[in-house]
Protein backbone atom coordinates (compact mmCIF):
# COMPACT_ATOMS: atom_id res chain seq x y z
CA MET A 1 -0.28 0.02 -0.07
CA VAL A 2 1.01 3.66 -0.47
CA ASP A 3 -0.09 6.63 0.95
CA ALA A 4 -0.31 8.76 -2.16
CA ALA A 5 -0.66 12.45 -0.19
CA ARG A 6 2.99 11.23 0.79
CA GLY A 7 3.66 8.91 -2.17
CA ALA A 8 5.16 6.69 0.35
CA PRO A 9 4.79 3.25 2.18
CA ALA A 10 1.46 3.53 4.02
CA ALA A 11 0.78 1.78 7.23
CA SER A 12 -0.44 -2.16 7.22
CA HIS A 13 -2.74 -3.51 9.65
CA TYR A 14 0.01 -5.64 10.78
CA GLY A 15 2.15 -2.49 11.89
CA PRO A 16 4.25 0.84 11.01
CA MET A 17 6.25 -0.07 7.91
CA SER A 18 10.58 0.31 8.56
CA ASP A 19 13.15 2.19 6.13
CA GLN A 20 14.96 -1.01 7.18
CA GLN A 21 15.60 -4.45 5.23
CA TRP A 22 15.80 -7.99 6.60
CA PRO A 23 18.93 -9.04 7.55
CA THR A 24 21.17 -11.38 4.81
CA VAL A 25 23.70 -13.56 5.67
CA PRO A 26 27.24 -12.48 4.29
CA SER A 27 28.20 -15.04 1.32
CA SER A 28 31.72 -16.95 2.86
CA PRO A 29 34.28 -16.11 0.04
CA GLU A 30 35.32 -20.20 -0.18
CA ALA A 31 31.52 -20.91 -0.94
CA PRO A 32 31.27 -21.24 -5.26
CA SER A 33 27.99 -18.96 -5.36
CA ASP A 34 26.48 -20.53 -8.50
CA ALA A 35 25.92 -24.17 -7.63
CA PHE A 36 26.15 -26.31 -4.06
CA LEU A 37 28.23 -28.74 -6.37
CA ASN A 38 30.45 -29.64 -9.12
CA PRO A 39 27.71 -31.06 -11.50
CA ALA A 40 30.28 -34.70 -11.89
CA GLU A 41 29.76 -35.01 -8.18
CA ALA A 42 26.25 -34.03 -8.18
CA GLN A 43 23.76 -37.15 -6.36
CA PHE A 44 20.16 -36.71 -7.35
CA CYS A 45 17.09 -38.71 -5.92
CA VAL A 46 13.49 -39.16 -6.75
CA LEU A 47 11.38 -38.14 -4.42
CA VAL A 48 7.89 -39.99 -3.48
CA GLU A 49 5.61 -38.01 -1.06
CA GLU A 50 1.99 -40.29 0.15
CA ILE A 51 -0.07 -41.03 2.21
CA VAL A 52 1.49 -43.11 4.83
CA GLY A 53 -0.38 -45.07 7.68
CA SER A 54 -3.59 -45.72 7.75
CA GLY A 55 -6.72 -44.89 10.21
CA GLU A 56 -5.83 -42.51 12.75
CA SER A 57 -1.80 -43.11 12.09
CA ALA A 58 -3.04 -41.86 8.44
CA ARG A 59 0.02 -38.60 7.76
CA TRP A 60 1.24 -37.52 4.28
CA GLY A 61 5.03 -38.77 4.58
CA LEU A 62 7.62 -39.84 2.84
CA GLY A 63 7.27 -43.22 0.77
CA GLU A 64 10.41 -43.87 -1.41
CA THR A 65 13.50 -42.50 -2.32
CA ARG A 66 15.42 -43.51 -5.24
CA SER A 67 19.26 -42.09 -5.08
CA LEU A 68 20.66 -41.71 -8.55
CA ARG A 69 24.54 -40.71 -9.78
CA THR A 70 23.16 -39.21 -13.14
CA THR A 71 22.16 -36.21 -14.67
CA ARG A 72 19.36 -34.52 -13.46
CA ALA A 73 17.89 -35.07 -16.92
CA ASP A 74 17.95 -39.30 -16.42
CA ALA A 75 16.78 -38.49 -12.89
CA ARG A 76 13.42 -36.56 -14.85
CA ALA A 77 13.08 -39.27 -16.83
CA THR A 78 13.40 -41.81 -13.78
CA ALA A 79 10.46 -39.41 -11.73
CA LEU A 80 8.23 -39.56 -14.73
CA ASP A 81 8.36 -42.49 -15.05
CA MET A 82 7.85 -42.94 -11.25
CA ALA A 83 4.54 -40.93 -11.67
CA ARG A 84 3.45 -43.69 -14.57
CA THR A 85 4.21 -46.89 -12.47
CA PHE A 86 4.54 -46.39 -8.89
CA SER A 87 2.37 -48.34 -6.47
CA PRO A 88 1.41 -46.06 -4.35
CA ARG A 89 -0.08 -47.33 -0.54
CA HIS A 90 -3.66 -45.74 -0.98
CA PRO A 91 -5.79 -46.57 -2.58
CA MET A 92 -6.22 -49.89 -2.49
CA PHE A 93 -7.46 -51.59 -6.68
CA GLU A 94 -6.41 -49.04 -8.78
CA GLN A 95 -9.26 -48.17 -11.33
CA ALA A 96 -7.26 -44.52 -13.10
CA ARG A 97 -4.94 -42.41 -12.42
CA ASP A 98 -3.91 -38.68 -14.11
CA VAL A 99 -0.28 -37.34 -14.10
CA TYR A 100 0.05 -33.99 -13.79
CA ARG A 101 3.33 -32.17 -14.66
CA VAL A 102 3.83 -29.08 -11.89
CA ASN A 103 7.54 -28.13 -13.44
CA GLU A 104 10.53 -29.58 -14.88
CA ASP A 105 11.29 -31.47 -11.56
CA GLU A 106 7.57 -32.02 -9.99
CA TYR A 107 4.69 -34.56 -11.10
CA ILE A 108 1.16 -34.64 -8.52
CA VAL A 109 -0.38 -37.79 -9.67
CA LEU A 110 -4.29 -38.42 -8.96
CA VAL A 111 -5.40 -42.02 -8.15
CA GLN A 112 -8.75 -43.84 -8.04
CA GLY A 113 -9.48 -46.67 -6.36
CA ALA A 114 -11.55 -48.71 -6.05
CA THR A 115 -13.47 -46.54 -2.64
CA SER A 116 -11.78 -43.44 -2.55
CA THR A 117 -9.18 -40.73 -4.22
CA PHE A 118 -5.79 -40.63 -3.34
CA HIS A 119 -2.62 -38.27 -4.54
CA PHE A 120 1.05 -38.29 -4.10
CA ARG A 121 3.36 -36.45 -5.62
CA VAL A 122 7.25 -37.79 -7.09
CA CYS A 123 10.17 -34.83 -7.26
CA VAL A 124 13.54 -34.63 -8.38
CA ALA A 125 16.07 -33.63 -6.11
CA GLU A 126 19.34 -32.94 -5.66
CA LEU A 127 21.09 -33.99 -2.79
CA ILE A 128 23.40 -31.57 -0.33
């Protein structure tokens, strides 16, 4: 919001605006600025997040993981394959599946069972 009379940021209902910026952590001179790891040493993982447990103990959690010492492109191909073929814990008796690509590294999969519908997420991550 801008205070039209002064051309300055107006106070919000969260309190007055401050001229101070958020503190930042100075970068380390030893750390590379463009990547955490040497690309030749990179280790990619394909992670599956799904409903684990059942009944009262059902929760969203990390299901299967696959570590790959390969390129990101190969990890993306593995993630797409898992989105199409992975058998989630829920639902039982899969009837239909819709795969949605969220971005190049992430898929959401909607699985229709005999009596209920669940979803799981497949994503590519770099192990740091």
